[in-house]
Amino acid sequence: MSGNSLVSHPFINSYFEAVSNKFGLTPRESEVLRALMILGPNNRELGDLLDVSEKTMKNHIANILKKTKTNSTRELQALVFRETLVPVLLSVFQSTNNHPAGIPFDAALSGN
């Protein structure tokens, strides 16, 4: 599956929609966030991909950072990871009480 098809995949969209709603992102900011997280392009490439200027893209990203109270796209990526993927993984691992490294889930959480 290519990165471009992931940007619009229904399963992925549902998680980004939840993050977007939580932080009050506009539909365009949500689109920028998905492309940034999945494709990882720089501002110019992201602007080209979404058909806006680099300056407009910087403004969108600045607005997203402000709304999410993050200081960088790296911090934003960590936030989105925590808000989307971690809950899904926790749910799966808790339901099986198993950790991908073969460590019982409860011990993995406690660091033992």
N, C-alpha and C. Protein backbone atom coordinates (compact mmCIF):
# COMPACT_ATOMS: atom_id res chain seq x y z
N MET A 1 0.86 -1.18 0.00
CA MET A 1 0.00 0.00 0.00
C MET A 1 0.90 1.23 0.00
N SER A 2 0.65 2.14 -0.88
CA SER A 2 1.47 3.34 -0.98
C SER A 2 1.08 4.35 0.09
N GLY A 3 1.99 5.31 0.35
CA GLY A 3 1.71 6.37 1.30
C GLY A 3 0.49 7.18 0.91
N ASN A 4 0.34 7.45 -0.40
CA ASN A 4 -0.80 8.25 -0.86
C ASN A 4 -2.13 7.57 -0.57
N SER A 5 -2.20 6.24 -0.72
CA SER A 5 -3.45 5.56 -0.43
C SER A 5 -3.71 5.52 1.07
N LEU A 6 -2.67 5.55 1.88
CA LEU A 6 -2.85 5.60 3.33
C LEU A 6 -3.46 6.92 3.78
N VAL A 7 -3.14 8.01 3.06
CA VAL A 7 -3.65 9.32 3.44
C VAL A 7 -5.17 9.33 3.44
N SER A 8 -5.78 8.55 2.56
CA SER A 8 -7.24 8.56 2.47
C SER A 8 -7.88 7.22 2.87
N HIS A 9 -7.15 6.34 3.52
CA HIS A 9 -7.68 5.05 3.94
C HIS A 9 -8.71 5.25 5.06
N PRO A 10 -9.89 4.62 4.97
CA PRO A 10 -10.94 4.82 5.97
C PRO A 10 -10.51 4.53 7.41
N PHE A 11 -9.76 3.47 7.62
CA PHE A 11 -9.29 3.14 8.97
C PHE A 11 -8.41 4.25 9.51
N ILE A 12 -7.48 4.72 8.70
CA ILE A 12 -6.58 5.80 9.10
C ILE A 12 -7.38 7.08 9.32
N ASN A 13 -8.31 7.36 8.43
CA ASN A 13 -9.11 8.58 8.55
C ASN A 13 -9.84 8.65 9.87
N SER A 14 -10.36 7.52 10.35
CA SER A 14 -11.12 7.55 11.60
C SER A 14 -10.25 7.98 12.77
N TYR A 15 -9.00 7.57 12.79
CA TYR A 15 -8.11 7.97 13.88
C TYR A 15 -7.70 9.43 13.76
N PHE A 16 -7.42 9.88 12.54
CA PHE A 16 -7.07 11.29 12.36
C PHE A 16 -8.28 12.19 12.63
N GLU A 17 -9.46 11.71 12.31
CA GLU A 17 -10.67 12.48 12.60
C GLU A 17 -10.83 12.67 14.10
N ALA A 18 -10.55 11.64 14.88
CA ALA A 18 -10.64 11.75 16.33
C ALA A 18 -9.64 12.77 16.87
N VAL A 19 -8.41 12.73 16.36
CA VAL A 19 -7.39 13.70 16.78
C VAL A 19 -7.80 15.10 16.36
N SER A 20 -8.28 15.24 15.14
CA SER A 20 -8.69 16.54 14.63
C SER A 20 -9.83 17.12 15.46
N ASN A 21 -10.80 16.29 15.82
CA ASN A 21 -11.91 16.75 16.65
C ASN A 21 -11.44 17.14 18.04
N LYS A 22 -10.54 16.35 18.60
CA LYS A 22 -10.05 16.62 19.95
C LYS A 22 -9.38 17.99 20.03
N PHE A 23 -8.65 18.36 18.98
CA PHE A 23 -7.88 19.60 19.01
C PHE A 23 -8.53 20.73 18.20
N GLY A 24 -9.71 20.49 17.65
CA GLY A 24 -10.43 21.53 16.93
C GLY A 24 -9.78 21.94 15.62
N LEU A 25 -9.20 20.97 14.90
CA LEU A 25 -8.58 21.28 13.62
C LEU A 25 -9.64 21.43 12.54
N THR A 26 -9.37 22.32 11.60
CA THR A 26 -10.25 22.48 10.45
C THR A 26 -10.06 21.27 9.53
N PRO A 27 -10.98 21.06 8.59
CA PRO A 27 -10.79 19.96 7.63
C PRO A 27 -9.46 20.07 6.87
N ARG A 28 -9.06 21.28 6.50
CA ARG A 28 -7.80 21.45 5.78
C ARG A 28 -6.61 21.13 6.69
N GLU A 29 -6.67 21.58 7.94
CA GLU A 29 -5.59 21.27 8.88
C GLU A 29 -5.50 19.78 9.12
N SER A 30 -6.64 19.11 9.16
CA SER A 30 -6.66 17.66 9.31
C SER A 30 -6.00 16.98 8.12
N GLU A 31 -6.28 17.49 6.93
CA GLU A 31 -5.67 16.96 5.71
C GLU A 31 -4.15 17.16 5.74
N VAL A 32 -3.73 18.34 6.17
CA VAL A 32 -2.29 18.63 6.29
C VAL A 32 -1.66 17.68 7.30
N LEU A 33 -2.31 17.49 8.44
CA LEU A 33 -1.77 16.61 9.47
C LEU A 33 -1.61 15.19 8.96
N ARG A 34 -2.63 14.66 8.29
CA ARG A 34 -2.53 13.30 7.74
C ARG A 34 -1.37 13.17 6.77
N ALA A 35 -1.26 14.11 5.84
CA ALA A 35 -0.18 14.04 4.84
C ALA A 35 1.18 14.18 5.51
N LEU A 36 1.28 15.08 6.48
CA LEU A 36 2.54 15.28 7.19
C LEU A 36 2.95 14.01 7.93
N MET A 37 2.01 13.39 8.63
CA MET A 37 2.31 12.20 9.42
C MET A 37 2.61 10.98 8.57
N ILE A 38 1.89 10.81 7.50
CA ILE A 38 2.02 9.59 6.71
C ILE A 38 3.12 9.70 5.66
N LEU A 39 3.21 10.85 5.01
CA LEU A 39 4.17 11.01 3.92
C LEU A 39 5.47 11.67 4.35
N GLY A 40 5.40 12.54 5.37
CA GLY A 40 6.58 13.18 5.92
C GLY A 40 7.34 14.14 5.02
N PRO A 41 6.66 14.81 4.10
CA PRO A 41 7.41 15.71 3.23
C PRO A 41 7.76 17.02 3.93
N ASN A 42 8.69 17.78 3.33
CA ASN A 42 8.97 19.11 3.87
C ASN A 42 7.83 20.05 3.46
N ASN A 43 7.88 21.29 3.95
CA ASN A 43 6.78 22.23 3.71
C ASN A 43 6.53 22.49 2.23
N ARG A 44 7.58 22.62 1.46
CA ARG A 44 7.42 22.88 0.03
C ARG A 44 6.75 21.69 -0.66
N GLU A 45 7.24 20.49 -0.38
CA GLU A 45 6.65 19.29 -0.97
C GLU A 45 5.21 19.09 -0.52
N LEU A 46 4.96 19.37 0.74
CA LEU A 46 3.60 19.25 1.27
C LEU A 46 2.67 20.26 0.60
N GLY A 47 3.17 21.47 0.41
CA GLY A 47 2.39 22.49 -0.29
C GLY A 47 2.09 22.08 -1.72
N ASP A 48 3.10 21.54 -2.41
CA ASP A 48 2.90 21.06 -3.79
C ASP A 48 1.85 19.93 -3.81
N LEU A 49 1.96 19.02 -2.86
CA LEU A 49 1.04 17.89 -2.79
C LEU A 49 -0.40 18.34 -2.59
N LEU A 50 -0.59 19.36 -1.75
CA LEU A 50 -1.93 19.84 -1.41
C LEU A 50 -2.32 21.09 -2.19
N ASP A 51 -1.49 21.45 -3.15
CA ASP A 51 -1.77 22.56 -4.07
C ASP A 51 -1.92 23.91 -3.38
N VAL A 52 -0.99 24.20 -2.46
CA VAL A 52 -0.92 25.52 -1.82
C VAL A 52 0.53 25.95 -1.78
N SER A 53 0.77 27.23 -1.53
CA SER A 53 2.14 27.73 -1.47
C SER A 53 2.84 27.24 -0.20
N GLU A 54 4.15 27.31 -0.21
CA GLU A 54 4.93 26.92 0.95
C GLU A 54 4.55 27.80 2.15
N LYS A 55 4.34 29.08 1.92
CA LYS A 55 3.97 30.00 3.00
C LYS A 55 2.62 29.61 3.61
N THR A 56 1.66 29.27 2.76
CA THR A 56 0.35 28.83 3.26
C THR A 56 0.50 27.55 4.07
N MET A 57 1.35 26.65 3.60
CA MET A 57 1.59 25.40 4.31
C MET A 57 2.20 25.68 5.69
N LYS A 58 3.16 26.60 5.74
CA LYS A 58 3.76 26.97 7.03
C LYS A 58 2.70 27.52 7.97
N ASN A 59 1.77 28.31 7.42
CA ASN A 59 0.68 28.85 8.25
C ASN A 59 -0.22 27.74 8.78
N HIS A 60 -0.56 26.78 7.93
CA HIS A 60 -1.38 25.64 8.38
C HIS A 60 -0.67 24.88 9.50
N ILE A 61 0.60 24.61 9.30
CA ILE A 61 1.36 23.86 10.31
C ILE A 61 1.47 24.66 11.60
N ALA A 62 1.70 25.96 11.50
CA ALA A 62 1.77 26.80 12.70
C ALA A 62 0.44 26.76 13.46
N ASN A 63 -0.67 26.80 12.72
CA ASN A 63 -1.99 26.72 13.37
C ASN A 63 -2.19 25.38 14.07
N ILE A 64 -1.76 24.30 13.42
CA ILE A 64 -1.88 22.96 14.01
C ILE A 64 -1.04 22.89 15.28
N LEU A 65 0.20 23.40 15.22
CA LEU A 65 1.07 23.36 16.39
C LEU A 65 0.45 24.14 17.55
N LYS A 66 -0.12 25.29 17.24
CA LYS A 66 -0.74 26.11 18.27
C LYS A 66 -1.93 25.39 18.91
N LYS A 67 -2.79 24.82 18.09
CA LYS A 67 -3.98 24.14 18.59
C LYS A 67 -3.65 22.89 19.41
N THR A 68 -2.57 22.23 19.04
CA THR A 68 -2.17 21.01 19.76
C THR A 68 -1.19 21.30 20.89
N LYS A 69 -0.81 22.57 21.02
CA LYS A 69 0.14 23.00 22.06
C LYS A 69 1.46 22.23 21.96
N THR A 70 1.90 22.05 20.71
CA THR A 70 3.20 21.43 20.45
C THR A 70 4.12 22.49 19.85
N ASN A 71 5.43 22.26 19.94
CA ASN A 71 6.41 23.25 19.51
C ASN A 71 7.12 22.90 18.21
N SER A 72 6.92 21.69 17.72
CA SER A 72 7.62 21.27 16.51
C SER A 72 6.82 20.15 15.85
N THR A 73 7.13 19.89 14.59
CA THR A 73 6.44 18.80 13.91
C THR A 73 6.83 17.46 14.52
N ARG A 74 8.03 17.35 15.06
CA ARG A 74 8.44 16.12 15.73
C ARG A 74 7.60 15.88 16.98
N GLU A 75 7.38 16.95 17.76
CA GLU A 75 6.53 16.85 18.94
C GLU A 75 5.09 16.54 18.53
N LEU A 76 4.65 17.14 17.44
CA LEU A 76 3.32 16.87 16.91
C LEU A 76 3.18 15.40 16.52
N GLN A 77 4.18 14.86 15.86
CA GLN A 77 4.15 13.46 15.45
C GLN A 77 4.05 12.54 16.68
N ALA A 78 4.79 12.86 17.73
CA ALA A 78 4.72 12.06 18.95
C ALA A 78 3.33 12.13 19.56
N LEU A 79 2.74 13.31 19.57
CA LEU A 79 1.39 13.49 20.10
C LEU A 79 0.39 12.65 19.30
N VAL A 80 0.45 12.74 18.00
CA VAL A 80 -0.49 11.99 17.16
C VAL A 80 -0.29 10.49 17.35
N PHE A 81 0.95 10.06 17.46
CA PHE A 81 1.25 8.65 17.71
C PHE A 81 0.58 8.21 19.02
N ARG A 82 0.76 9.01 20.08
CA ARG A 82 0.15 8.68 21.37
C ARG A 82 -1.37 8.67 21.30
N GLU A 83 -1.94 9.59 20.53
CA GLU A 83 -3.40 9.73 20.46
C GLU A 83 -4.06 8.71 19.53
N THR A 84 -3.31 8.15 18.59
CA THR A 84 -3.93 7.26 17.61
C THR A 84 -3.45 5.82 17.75
N LEU A 85 -2.19 5.57 17.57
CA LEU A 85 -1.69 4.20 17.52
C LEU A 85 -1.59 3.56 18.90
N VAL A 86 -1.10 4.28 19.87
CA VAL A 86 -0.90 3.69 21.20
C VAL A 86 -2.20 3.13 21.78
N PRO A 87 -3.32 3.87 21.75
CA PRO A 87 -4.55 3.28 22.29
C PRO A 87 -4.98 1.99 21.59
N VAL A 88 -4.77 1.93 20.28
CA VAL A 88 -5.12 0.72 19.54
C VAL A 88 -4.23 -0.44 19.98
N LEU A 89 -2.94 -0.19 20.06
CA LEU A 89 -2.01 -1.24 20.49
C LEU A 89 -2.30 -1.69 21.92
N LEU A 90 -2.56 -0.74 22.80
CA LEU A 90 -2.88 -1.10 24.19
C LEU A 90 -4.11 -1.97 24.25
N SER A 91 -5.10 -1.64 23.47
CA SER A 91 -6.34 -2.41 23.45
C SER A 91 -6.07 -3.85 22.99
N VAL A 92 -5.30 -3.99 21.93
CA VAL A 92 -4.99 -5.33 21.41
C VAL A 92 -4.17 -6.12 22.42
N PHE A 93 -3.14 -5.50 22.98
CA PHE A 93 -2.26 -6.21 23.90
C PHE A 93 -2.96 -6.53 25.21
N GLN A 94 -3.83 -5.63 25.68
CA GLN A 94 -4.55 -5.91 26.91
C GLN A 94 -5.54 -7.05 26.72
N SER A 95 -6.15 -7.12 25.55
CA SER A 95 -7.13 -8.18 25.32
C SER A 95 -6.47 -9.55 25.27
N THR A 96 -5.20 -9.59 24.92
CA THR A 96 -4.48 -10.87 24.88
C THR A 96 -3.52 -11.02 26.04
N ASN A 97 -3.38 -9.95 26.85
CA ASN A 97 -2.40 -9.89 27.94
C ASN A 97 -1.03 -10.34 27.45
N ASN A 98 -0.70 -9.93 26.26
CA ASN A 98 0.58 -10.32 25.67
C ASN A 98 1.23 -9.11 25.03
N HIS A 99 2.51 -9.10 25.05
CA HIS A 99 3.33 -8.01 24.51
C HIS A 99 4.05 -8.57 23.29
N PRO A 100 4.29 -7.75 22.27
CA PRO A 100 4.92 -8.28 21.06
C PRO A 100 6.30 -8.88 21.31
N ALA A 101 6.96 -8.49 22.38
CA ALA A 101 8.28 -9.06 22.67
C ALA A 101 8.18 -10.32 23.52
N GLY A 102 6.94 -10.79 23.74
CA GLY A 102 6.74 -12.00 24.53
C GLY A 102 6.69 -11.74 26.02
N ILE A 103 6.70 -10.49 26.42
CA ILE A 103 6.64 -10.12 27.83
C ILE A 103 5.17 -9.93 28.19
N PRO A 104 4.71 -10.45 29.32
CA PRO A 104 3.32 -10.19 29.69
C PRO A 104 3.05 -8.69 29.71
N PHE A 105 1.89 -8.31 29.24
CA PHE A 105 1.54 -6.89 29.08
C PHE A 105 1.71 -6.11 30.36
N ASP A 106 1.23 -6.61 31.48
CA ASP A 106 1.31 -5.88 32.76
C ASP A 106 2.77 -5.61 33.13
N ALA A 107 3.64 -6.57 32.91
CA ALA A 107 5.07 -6.38 33.21
C ALA A 107 5.70 -5.38 32.27
N ALA A 108 5.27 -5.37 31.01
CA ALA A 108 5.81 -4.41 30.04
C ALA A 108 5.46 -2.99 30.46
N LEU A 109 4.23 -2.78 30.95
CA LEU A 109 3.82 -1.46 31.38
C LEU A 109 4.56 -1.00 32.62
N SER A 110 4.83 -1.92 33.53
CA SER A 110 5.50 -1.54 34.78
C SER A 110 7.01 -1.42 34.62
N GLY A 111 7.53 -1.91 33.50
CA GLY A 111 8.97 -1.82 33.25
C GLY A 111 9.75 -2.96 33.88
N ASN A 112 9.05 -3.94 34.40
CA ASN A 112 9.72 -5.10 35.02
C ASN A 112 9.98 -6.20 34.00
